[in-house]
Every structure is written in C-alpha cells, then in structure tokens.
Amino acid sequence: MADSEMARLRWRCRRGMRELDMLLLGYVDSVYANAADQEQAAFRRLLTTPDPEILSLLTGRSVTDDEHLAHVIQRLLKQNAP
C-alpha cells in the first residue's frame, strides 16, 4: 500500500473521540497492512459508519450481519484487551 493511501486511511481514523481514534489507528498501524483484502474492505466500510454506530458495535449494544465487519470488530476488541 502506498504511503499516501495509508496517510489517507489514518486520517479517516481520526474521529474526534480519543478512545475511538486510538482504537482505529492502532488497528491501522498494527493489523491493516497484513489483513486479507476482505478484512481491509470491511475496515474501510467501518470508517464510513457514523461514530455512534461504531461505538454501539464495539460495546456489543448492536451486532452486524456482515461477517467480515464482525471479524474486524472482534480484532479491534482483541487488540485492545488487557
């Protein structure tokens, strides 16, 4: 992935909520480049989702039928687990 594409992706991870920013940027920095194409596409779809919906997915208040998006959510939660 080109540096400019990664920079754009990192910019899209900046949501204005520090915890969400850190979680999304952590995924981009540690997982995204080595993820399968379907997982990368699901992560990019997640970034088009409004913040309240992302938070709802991350807290388990809502679930998605999209198996690839559900996988991304699980990876986001796993990378941040104590």
PDB file of N, CA and C in Angstrom:
ATOM      1  N   MET A   1       0.854  -1.176   0.000  1.00  0.00           N
ATOM      2  CA  MET A   1       0.000   0.000   0.000  1.00  0.00           C
ATOM      3  C   MET A   1       0.896   1.233   0.000  1.00  0.00           C
ATOM      4  N   ALA A   2       0.572   2.185  -0.845  1.00  0.00           N
ATOM      5  CA  ALA A   2       1.347   3.415  -0.952  1.00  0.00           C
ATOM      6  C   ALA A   2       1.224   4.249   0.327  1.00  0.00           C
ATOM      7  N   ASP A   3       2.287   4.985   0.613  1.00  0.00           N
ATOM      8  CA  ASP A   3       2.284   5.827   1.812  1.00  0.00           C
ATOM      9  C   ASP A   3       1.134   6.825   1.804  1.00  0.00           C
ATOM     10  N   SER A   4       0.814   7.376   0.635  1.00  0.00           N
ATOM     11  CA  SER A   4      -0.269   8.354   0.561  1.00  0.00           C
ATOM     12  C   SER A   4      -1.619   7.712   0.880  1.00  0.00           C
ATOM     13  N   GLU A   5      -1.805   6.468   0.439  1.00  0.00           N
ATOM     14  CA  GLU A   5      -3.046   5.760   0.753  1.00  0.00           C
ATOM     15  C   GLU A   5      -3.141   5.483   2.250  1.00  0.00           C
ATOM     16  N   MET A   6      -2.028   5.085   2.853  1.00  0.00           N
ATOM     17  CA  MET A   6      -2.015   4.816   4.289  1.00  0.00           C
ATOM     18  C   MET A   6      -2.265   6.107   5.072  1.00  0.00           C
ATOM     19  N   ALA A   7      -1.704   7.206   4.606  1.00  0.00           N
ATOM     20  CA  ALA A   7      -1.919   8.505   5.269  1.00  0.00           C
ATOM     21  C   ALA A   7      -3.397   8.886   5.207  1.00  0.00           C
ATOM     22  N   ARG A   8      -4.029   8.659   4.070  1.00  0.00           N
ATOM     23  CA  ARG A   8      -5.469   8.966   3.943  1.00  0.00           C
ATOM     24  C   ARG A   8      -6.288   8.085   4.874  1.00  0.00           C
ATOM     25  N   LEU A   9      -5.932   6.817   4.943  1.00  0.00           N
ATOM     26  CA  LEU A   9      -6.639   5.890   5.816  1.00  0.00           C
ATOM     27  C   LEU A   9      -6.475   6.311   7.282  1.00  0.00           C
ATOM     28  N   ARG A  10      -5.263   6.669   7.664  1.00  0.00           N
ATOM     29  CA  ARG A  10      -5.025   7.120   9.044  1.00  0.00           C
ATOM     30  C   ARG A  10      -5.839   8.380   9.337  1.00  0.00           C
ATOM     31  N   TRP A  11      -5.943   9.270   8.353  1.00  0.00           N
ATOM     32  CA  TRP A  11      -6.727  10.497   8.546  1.00  0.00           C
ATOM     33  C   TRP A  11      -8.200  10.158   8.783  1.00  0.00           C
ATOM     34  N   ARG A  12      -8.712   9.179   8.050  1.00  0.00           N
ATOM     35  CA  ARG A  12     -10.114   8.785   8.197  1.00  0.00           C
ATOM     36  C   ARG A  12     -10.375   8.140   9.558  1.00  0.00           C
ATOM     37  N   CYS A  13      -9.332   7.630  10.208  1.00  0.00           N
ATOM     38  CA  CYS A  13      -9.468   7.032  11.543  1.00  0.00           C
ATOM     39  C   CYS A  13      -9.632   8.086  12.629  1.00  0.00           C
ATOM     40  N   ARG A  14      -9.317   9.314  12.326  1.00  0.00           N
ATOM     41  CA  ARG A  14      -9.435  10.388  13.318  1.00  0.00           C
ATOM     42  C   ARG A  14     -10.900  10.785  13.410  1.00  0.00           C
ATOM     43  N   ARG A  15     -11.522  10.407  14.486  1.00  0.00           N
ATOM     44  CA  ARG A  15     -12.960  10.563  14.629  1.00  0.00           C
ATOM     45  C   ARG A  15     -13.365  11.687  15.572  1.00  0.00           C
ATOM     46  N   GLY A  16     -12.447  12.195  16.364  1.00  0.00           N
ATOM     47  CA  GLY A  16     -12.795  13.247  17.304  1.00  0.00           C
ATOM     48  C   GLY A  16     -13.081  12.732  18.698  1.00  0.00           C
ATOM     49  N   MET A  17     -13.069  11.436  18.863  1.00  0.00           N
ATOM     50  CA  MET A  17     -13.234  10.823  20.176  1.00  0.00           C
ATOM     51  C   MET A  17     -11.934  10.060  20.437  1.00  0.00           C
ATOM     52  N   ARG A  18     -11.172  10.509  21.415  1.00  0.00           N
ATOM     53  CA  ARG A  18      -9.823   9.993  21.614  1.00  0.00           C
ATOM     54  C   ARG A  18      -9.752   8.469  21.678  1.00  0.00           C
ATOM     55  N   GLU A  19     -10.632   7.852  22.431  1.00  0.00           N
ATOM     56  CA  GLU A  19     -10.597   6.400  22.572  1.00  0.00           C
ATOM     57  C   GLU A  19     -10.843   5.700  21.242  1.00  0.00           C
ATOM     58  N   LEU A  20     -11.784   6.215  20.480  1.00  0.00           N
ATOM     59  CA  LEU A  20     -12.087   5.628  19.177  1.00  0.00           C
ATOM     60  C   LEU A  20     -10.924   5.860  18.213  1.00  0.00           C
ATOM     61  N   ASP A  21     -10.357   7.060  18.237  1.00  0.00           N
ATOM     62  CA  ASP A  21      -9.189   7.349  17.400  1.00  0.00           C
ATOM     63  C   ASP A  21      -8.065   6.361  17.685  1.00  0.00           C
ATOM     64  N   MET A  22      -7.769   6.155  18.960  1.00  0.00           N
ATOM     65  CA  MET A  22      -6.670   5.272  19.351  1.00  0.00           C
ATOM     66  C   MET A  22      -6.931   3.835  18.913  1.00  0.00           C
ATOM     67  N   LEU A  23      -8.141   3.391  19.058  1.00  0.00           N
ATOM     68  CA  LEU A  23      -8.503   2.031  18.682  1.00  0.00           C
ATOM     69  C   LEU A  23      -8.359   1.821  17.174  1.00  0.00           C
ATOM     70  N   LEU A  24      -8.932   2.736  16.404  1.00  0.00           N
ATOM     71  CA  LEU A  24      -8.882   2.619  14.943  1.00  0.00           C
ATOM     72  C   LEU A  24      -7.465   2.782  14.407  1.00  0.00           C
ATOM     73  N   LEU A  25      -6.737   3.761  14.927  1.00  0.00           N
ATOM     74  CA  LEU A  25      -5.358   3.967  14.483  1.00  0.00           C
ATOM     75  C   LEU A  25      -4.477   2.784  14.872  1.00  0.00           C
ATOM     76  N   GLY A  26      -4.727   2.209  16.042  1.00  0.00           N
ATOM     77  CA  GLY A  26      -3.974   1.033  16.462  1.00  0.00           C
ATOM     78  C   GLY A  26      -4.160  -0.121  15.489  1.00  0.00           C
ATOM     79  N   TYR A  27      -5.383  -0.295  15.020  1.00  0.00           N
ATOM     80  CA  TYR A  27      -5.668  -1.344  14.038  1.00  0.00           C
ATOM     81  C   TYR A  27      -4.911  -1.062  12.739  1.00  0.00           C
ATOM     82  N   VAL A  28      -4.983   0.170  12.268  1.00  0.00           N
ATOM     83  CA  VAL A  28      -4.303   0.520  11.019  1.00  0.00           C
ATOM     84  C   VAL A  28      -2.802   0.298  11.148  1.00  0.00           C
ATOM     85  N   ASP A  29      -2.245   0.707  12.261  1.00  0.00           N
ATOM     86  CA  ASP A  29      -0.800   0.611  12.439  1.00  0.00           C
ATOM     87  C   ASP A  29      -0.301  -0.812  12.655  1.00  0.00           C
ATOM     88  N   SER A  30      -1.118  -1.670  13.268  1.00  0.00           N
ATOM     89  CA  SER A  30      -0.607  -2.994  13.609  1.00  0.00           C
ATOM     90  C   SER A  30      -1.224  -4.158  12.826  1.00  0.00           C
ATOM     91  N   VAL A  31      -2.381  -3.953  12.216  1.00  0.00           N
ATOM     92  CA  VAL A  31      -3.082  -5.079  11.601  1.00  0.00           C
ATOM     93  C   VAL A  31      -3.374  -4.870  10.116  1.00  0.00           C
ATOM     94  N   TYR A  32      -3.801  -3.695   9.746  1.00  0.00           N
ATOM     95  CA  TYR A  32      -4.381  -3.440   8.427  1.00  0.00           C
ATOM     96  C   TYR A  32      -3.513  -3.926   7.265  1.00  0.00           C
ATOM     97  N   ALA A  33      -2.234  -3.585   7.260  1.00  0.00           N
ATOM     98  CA  ALA A  33      -1.375  -3.901   6.106  1.00  0.00           C
ATOM     99  C   ALA A  33      -1.289  -5.395   5.832  1.00  0.00           C
ATOM    100  N   ASN A  34      -1.388  -6.215   6.870  1.00  0.00           N
ATOM    101  CA  ASN A  34      -1.270  -7.663   6.694  1.00  0.00           C
ATOM    102  C   ASN A  34      -2.610  -8.384   6.652  1.00  0.00           C
ATOM    103  N   ALA A  35      -3.694  -7.627   6.750  1.00  0.00           N
ATOM    104  CA  ALA A  35      -5.029  -8.226   6.735  1.00  0.00           C
ATOM    105  C   ALA A  35      -5.411  -8.638   5.313  1.00  0.00           C
ATOM    106  N   ALA A  36      -6.296  -9.611   5.232  1.00  0.00           N
ATOM    107  CA  ALA A  36      -6.816 -10.049   3.931  1.00  0.00           C
ATOM    108  C   ALA A  36      -7.600  -8.917   3.273  1.00  0.00           C
ATOM    109  N   ASP A  37      -7.711  -8.975   1.955  1.00  0.00           N
ATOM    110  CA  ASP A  37      -8.416  -7.931   1.207  1.00  0.00           C
ATOM    111  C   ASP A  37      -9.834  -7.713   1.722  1.00  0.00           C
ATOM    112  N   GLN A  38     -10.538  -8.806   2.033  1.00  0.00           N
ATOM    113  CA  GLN A  38     -11.920  -8.677   2.519  1.00  0.00           C
ATOM    114  C   GLN A  38     -11.967  -7.963   3.868  1.00  0.00           C
ATOM    115  N   GLU A  39     -10.989  -8.244   4.711  1.00  0.00           N
ATOM    116  CA  GLU A  39     -10.942  -7.577   6.009  1.00  0.00           C
ATOM    117  C   GLU A  39     -10.606  -6.096   5.844  1.00  0.00           C
ATOM    118  N   GLN A  40      -9.689  -5.784   4.955  1.00  0.00           N
ATOM    119  CA  GLN A  40      -9.365  -4.383   4.696  1.00  0.00           C
ATOM    120  C   GLN A  40     -10.590  -3.639   4.174  1.00  0.00           C
ATOM    121  N   ALA A  41     -11.324  -4.264   3.265  1.00  0.00           N
ATOM    122  CA  ALA A  41     -12.536  -3.643   2.725  1.00  0.00           C
ATOM    123  C   ALA A  41     -13.563  -3.432   3.831  1.00  0.00           C
ATOM    124  N   ALA A  42     -13.698  -4.403   4.724  1.00  0.00           N
ATOM    125  CA  ALA A  42     -14.649  -4.271   5.834  1.00  0.00           C
ATOM    126  C   ALA A  42     -14.229  -3.132   6.759  1.00  0.00           C
ATOM    127  N   PHE A  43     -12.936  -2.981   7.010  1.00  0.00           N
ATOM    128  CA  PHE A  43     -12.459  -1.881   7.852  1.00  0.00           C
ATOM    129  C   PHE A  43     -12.765  -0.545   7.189  1.00  0.00           C
ATOM    130  N   ARG A  44     -12.546  -0.444   5.894  1.00  0.00           N
ATOM    131  CA  ARG A  44     -12.865   0.811   5.193  1.00  0.00           C
ATOM    132  C   ARG A  44     -14.369   1.102   5.258  1.00  0.00           C
ATOM    133  N   ARG A  45     -15.198   0.054   5.184  1.00  0.00           N
ATOM    134  CA  ARG A  45     -16.653   0.246   5.348  1.00  0.00           C
ATOM    135  C   ARG A  45     -16.969   0.741   6.747  1.00  0.00           C
ATOM    136  N   LEU A  46     -16.277   0.190   7.730  1.00  0.00           N
ATOM    137  CA  LEU A  46     -16.491   0.629   9.107  1.00  0.00           C
ATOM    138  C   LEU A  46     -16.222   2.124   9.236  1.00  0.00           C
ATOM    139  N   LEU A  47     -15.210   2.607   8.536  1.00  0.00           N
ATOM    140  CA  LEU A  47     -14.866   4.031   8.615  1.00  0.00           C
ATOM    141  C   LEU A  47     -15.922   4.932   7.986  1.00  0.00           C
ATOM    142  N   THR A  48     -16.832   4.371   7.203  1.00  0.00           N
ATOM    143  CA  THR A  48     -17.927   5.170   6.638  1.00  0.00           C
ATOM    144  C   THR A  48     -19.130   5.212   7.566  1.00  0.00           C
ATOM    145  N   THR A  49     -19.052   4.461   8.649  1.00  0.00           N
ATOM    146  CA  THR A  49     -20.141   4.344   9.615  1.00  0.00           C
ATOM    147  C   THR A  49     -20.075   5.496  10.613  1.00  0.00           C
ATOM    148  N   PRO A  50     -21.209   6.078  10.977  1.00  0.00           N
ATOM    149  CA  PRO A  50     -21.203   7.151  11.980  1.00  0.00           C
ATOM    150  C   PRO A  50     -20.649   6.661  13.323  1.00  0.00           C
ATOM    151  N   ASP A  51     -19.983   7.542  14.030  1.00  0.00           N
ATOM    152  CA  ASP A  51     -19.349   7.197  15.303  1.00  0.00           C
ATOM    153  C   ASP A  51     -20.281   6.501  16.291  1.00  0.00           C
ATOM    154  N   PRO A  52     -21.517   6.983  16.491  1.00  0.00           N
ATOM    155  CA  PRO A  52     -22.387   6.294  17.449  1.00  0.00           C
ATOM    156  C   PRO A  52     -22.632   4.821  17.079  1.00  0.00           C
ATOM    157  N   GLU A  53     -22.703   4.540  15.790  1.00  0.00           N
ATOM    158  CA  GLU A  53     -22.909   3.152  15.356  1.00  0.00           C
ATOM    159  C   GLU A  53     -21.651   2.314  15.592  1.00  0.00           C
ATOM    160  N   ILE A  54     -20.477   2.902  15.355  1.00  0.00           N
ATOM    161  CA  ILE A  54     -19.229   2.192  15.622  1.00  0.00           C
ATOM    162  C   ILE A  54     -19.146   1.860  17.110  1.00  0.00           C
ATOM    163  N   LEU A  55     -19.440   2.832  17.947  1.00  0.00           N
ATOM    164  CA  LEU A  55     -19.404   2.603  19.394  1.00  0.00           C
ATOM    165  C   LEU A  55     -20.389   1.527  19.814  1.00  0.00           C
ATOM    166  N   SER A  56     -21.554   1.538  19.211  1.00  0.00           N
ATOM    167  CA  SER A  56     -22.562   0.529  19.521  1.00  0.00           C
ATOM    168  C   SER A  56     -22.066  -0.870  19.152  1.00  0.00           C
ATOM    169  N   LEU A  57     -21.397  -0.986  18.024  1.00  0.00           N
ATOM    170  CA  LEU A  57     -20.834  -2.272  17.612  1.00  0.00           C
ATOM    171  C   LEU A  57     -19.711  -2.707  18.560  1.00  0.00           C
ATOM    172  N   LEU A  58     -18.870  -1.767  18.947  1.00  0.00           N
ATOM    173  CA  LEU A  58     -17.732  -2.089  19.807  1.00  0.00           C
ATOM    174  C   LEU A  58     -18.150  -2.434  21.230  1.00  0.00           C
ATOM    175  N   THR A  59     -19.258  -1.884  21.673  1.00  0.00           N
ATOM    176  CA  THR A  59     -19.720  -2.163  23.035  1.00  0.00           C
ATOM    177  C   THR A  59     -20.684  -3.337  23.089  1.00  0.00           C
ATOM    178  N   GLY A  60     -21.054  -3.869  21.931  1.00  0.00           N
ATOM    179  CA  GLY A  60     -21.949  -5.014  21.899  1.00  0.00           C
ATOM    180  C   GLY A  60     -23.421  -4.654  21.997  1.00  0.00           C
ATOM    181  N   ARG A  61     -23.733  -3.360  21.972  1.00  0.00           N
ATOM    182  CA  ARG A  61     -25.145  -2.954  22.010  1.00  0.00           C
ATOM    183  C   ARG A  61     -25.843  -3.244  20.696  1.00  0.00           C
ATOM    184  N   SER A  62     -25.056  -3.388  19.640  1.00  0.00           N
ATOM    185  CA  SER A  62     -25.628  -3.808  18.361  1.00  0.00           C
ATOM    186  C   SER A  62     -24.665  -4.796  17.721  1.00  0.00           C
ATOM    187  N   VAL A  63     -25.181  -5.547  16.779  1.00  0.00           N
ATOM    188  CA  VAL A  63     -24.376  -6.523  16.047  1.00  0.00           C
ATOM    189  C   VAL A  63     -24.601  -6.315  14.563  1.00  0.00           C
ATOM    190  N   THR A  64     -23.689  -6.840  13.779  1.00  0.00           N
ATOM    191  CA  THR A  64     -23.808  -6.723  12.335  1.00  0.00           C
ATOM    192  C   THR A  64     -23.983  -8.099  11.713  1.00  0.00           C
ATOM    193  N   ASP A  65     -24.693  -8.140  10.621  1.00  0.00           N
ATOM    194  CA  ASP A  65     -24.860  -9.385   9.867  1.00  0.00           C
ATOM    195  C   ASP A  65     -23.690  -9.612   8.911  1.00  0.00           C
ATOM    196  N   ASP A  66     -22.882  -8.595   8.722  1.00  0.00           N
ATOM    197  CA  ASP A  66     -21.734  -8.661   7.822  1.00  0.00           C
ATOM    198  C   ASP A  66     -20.605  -9.406   8.537  1.00  0.00           C
ATOM    199  N   GLU A  67     -20.320 -10.636   8.095  1.00  0.00           N
ATOM    200  CA  GLU A  67     -19.327 -11.465   8.789  1.00  0.00           C
ATOM    201  C   GLU A  67     -17.929 -10.857   8.756  1.00  0.00           C
ATOM    202  N   HIS A  68     -17.590 -10.160   7.686  1.00  0.00           N
ATOM    203  CA  HIS A  68     -16.263  -9.545   7.599  1.00  0.00           C
ATOM    204  C   HIS A  68     -16.159  -8.348   8.545  1.00  0.00           C
ATOM    205  N   LEU A  69     -17.225  -7.579   8.623  1.00  0.00           N
ATOM    206  CA  LEU A  69     -17.243  -6.455   9.556  1.00  0.00           C
ATOM    207  C   LEU A  69     -17.218  -6.960  10.995  1.00  0.00           C
ATOM    208  N   ALA A  70     -17.937  -8.032  11.277  1.00  0.00           N
ATOM    209  CA  ALA A  70     -17.924  -8.620  12.617  1.00  0.00           C
ATOM    210  C   ALA A  70     -16.510  -9.085  12.977  1.00  0.00           C
ATOM    211  N   HIS A  71     -15.805  -9.619  12.011  1.00  0.00           N
ATOM    212  CA  HIS A  71     -14.420 -10.050  12.248  1.00  0.00           C
ATOM    213  C   HIS A  71     -13.526  -8.853  12.590  1.00  0.00           C
ATOM    214  N   VAL A  72     -13.699  -7.760  11.867  1.00  0.00           N
ATOM    215  CA  VAL A  72     -12.923  -6.545  12.150  1.00  0.00           C
ATOM    216  C   VAL A  72     -13.230  -6.043  13.561  1.00  0.00           C
ATOM    217  N   ILE A  73     -14.493  -6.039  13.934  1.00  0.00           N
ATOM    218  CA  ILE A  73     -14.877  -5.600  15.276  1.00  0.00           C
ATOM    219  C   ILE A  73     -14.191  -6.478  16.325  1.00  0.00           C
ATOM    220  N   GLN A  74     -14.195  -7.787  16.113  1.00  0.00           N
ATOM    221  CA  GLN A  74     -13.540  -8.695  17.051  1.00  0.00           C
ATOM    222  C   GLN A  74     -12.039  -8.426  17.136  1.00  0.00           C
ATOM    223  N   ARG A  75     -11.412  -8.167  16.011  1.00  0.00           N
ATOM    224  CA  ARG A  75      -9.972  -7.875  16.021  1.00  0.00           C
ATOM    225  C   ARG A  75      -9.690  -6.560  16.721  1.00  0.00           C
ATOM    226  N   LEU A  76     -10.547  -5.570  16.517  1.00  0.00           N
ATOM    227  CA  LEU A  76     -10.381  -4.294  17.211  1.00  0.00           C
ATOM    228  C   LEU A  76     -10.470  -4.494  18.720  1.00  0.00           C
ATOM    229  N   LEU A  77     -11.433  -5.274  19.145  1.00  0.00           N
ATOM    230  CA  LEU A  77     -11.611  -5.511  20.576  1.00  0.00           C
ATOM    231  C   LEU A  77     -10.467  -6.349  21.145  1.00  0.00           C
ATOM    232  N   LYS A  78     -10.007  -7.331  20.377  1.00  0.00           N
ATOM    233  CA  LYS A  78      -8.936  -8.205  20.848  1.00  0.00           C
ATOM    234  C   LYS A  78      -7.627  -7.441  21.004  1.00  0.00           C
ATOM    235  N   GLN A  79      -7.333  -6.555  20.080  1.00  0.00           N
ATOM    236  CA  GLN A  79      -6.076  -5.821  20.158  1.00  0.00           C
ATOM    237  C   GLN A  79      -6.035  -4.889  21.342  1.00  0.00           C
ATOM    238  N   ASN A  80      -7.180  -4.547  21.877  1.00  0.00           N
ATOM    239  CA  ASN A  80      -7.261  -3.609  22.991  1.00  0.00           C
ATOM    240  C   ASN A  80      -7.562  -4.305  24.311  1.00  0.00           C
ATOM    241  N   ALA A  81      -7.673  -5.629  24.278  1.00  0.00           N
ATOM    242  CA  ALA A  81      -7.974  -6.375  25.512  1.00  0.00           C
ATOM    243  C   ALA A  81      -6.774  -6.349  26.448  1.00  0.00           C
ATOM    244  N   PRO A  82      -7.044  -6.317  27.753  1.00  0.00           N
ATOM    245  CA  PRO A  82      -5.931  -6.295  28.720  1.00  0.00           C
ATOM    246  C   PRO A  82      -5.151  -7.587  28.741  1.00  0.00           C
TER     247      PRO A  82
END
